[in-house]
Amino acid sequence: ERERERERERERERERERERERNCVTREREREREREREREREREREHHSQRIKDREA
């Protein structure tokens, strides 16, 4: 009986470990997408200011 209880405890521990790993990967992907959106906004700003310069020239 105690042996089964320990086994279930180990299983829960492994499950928590996998959960932490998934969360870590998810956060990493989220940061990557955020950096990508930031680069996209930067390109938009450069493009926009270039059009303004072209119009003034």
Protein backbone atom coordinates (compact mmCIF):
# COMPACT_ATOMS: atom_id res chain seq x y z
CA GLU A 1 0.00 0.00 0.00
CA ARG A 2 2.69 2.48 0.97
CA GLU A 3 4.64 1.40 -2.09
CA ARG A 4 1.74 2.32 -4.38
CA GLU A 5 1.41 5.65 -2.61
CA ARG A 6 5.10 6.40 -3.20
CA GLU A 7 4.69 5.40 -6.83
CA ARG A 8 1.78 7.80 -7.27
CA GLU A 9 3.82 10.53 -5.59
CA ARG A 10 6.70 9.98 -8.01
CA GLU A 11 4.27 10.06 -10.92
CA ARG A 12 2.83 13.39 -9.74
CA GLU A 13 6.36 14.75 -9.39
CA ARG A 14 7.21 13.73 -12.96
CA GLU A 15 3.98 15.32 -14.15
CA ARG A 16 4.83 18.60 -12.42
CA GLU A 17 8.29 18.47 -13.98
CA ARG A 18 6.82 18.04 -17.48
CA GLU A 19 4.39 20.87 -16.78
CA ARG A 20 7.27 23.20 -15.84
CA GLU A 21 9.12 22.25 -19.02
CA ARG A 22 6.06 22.99 -21.17
CA ASN A 23 5.56 26.34 -19.48
CA CYS A 24 9.17 27.25 -20.04
CA VAL A 25 8.97 26.40 -23.76
CA THR A 26 5.71 28.32 -24.10
CA ARG A 27 7.18 31.44 -22.50
CA GLU A 28 10.24 31.19 -24.74
CA ARG A 29 8.05 31.03 -27.87
CA GLU A 30 5.98 33.94 -26.60
CA ARG A 31 9.12 36.07 -26.13
CA GLU A 32 10.29 35.11 -29.63
CA ARG A 33 6.96 36.21 -31.16
CA GLU A 34 7.13 39.47 -29.20
CA ARG A 35 10.64 40.16 -30.56
CA GLU A 36 9.38 39.42 -34.07
CA ARG A 37 6.47 41.86 -33.67
CA GLU A 38 8.90 44.50 -32.36
CA ARG A 39 11.15 44.07 -35.42
CA GLU A 40 8.08 44.35 -37.65
CA ARG A 41 7.03 47.63 -35.98
CA GLU A 42 10.59 48.93 -36.36
CA ARG A 43 10.52 48.18 -40.11
CA GLU A 44 7.15 49.93 -40.39
CA ARG A 45 8.50 53.06 -38.69
CA GLU A 46 11.57 53.14 -40.95
CA HIS A 47 9.41 52.64 -44.01
CA HIS A 48 7.05 55.41 -42.91
CA SER A 49 9.81 57.93 -42.17
CA GLN A 50 11.40 57.07 -45.53
CA ARG A 51 8.15 57.90 -47.32
CA ILE A 52 7.96 61.24 -45.50
CA LYS A 53 11.55 62.05 -46.52
CA ASP A 54 10.80 61.09 -50.13
CA ARG A 55 7.75 63.34 -50.17
CA GLU A 56 9.74 66.30 -48.75
CA ALA A 57 12.58 65.81 -51.25
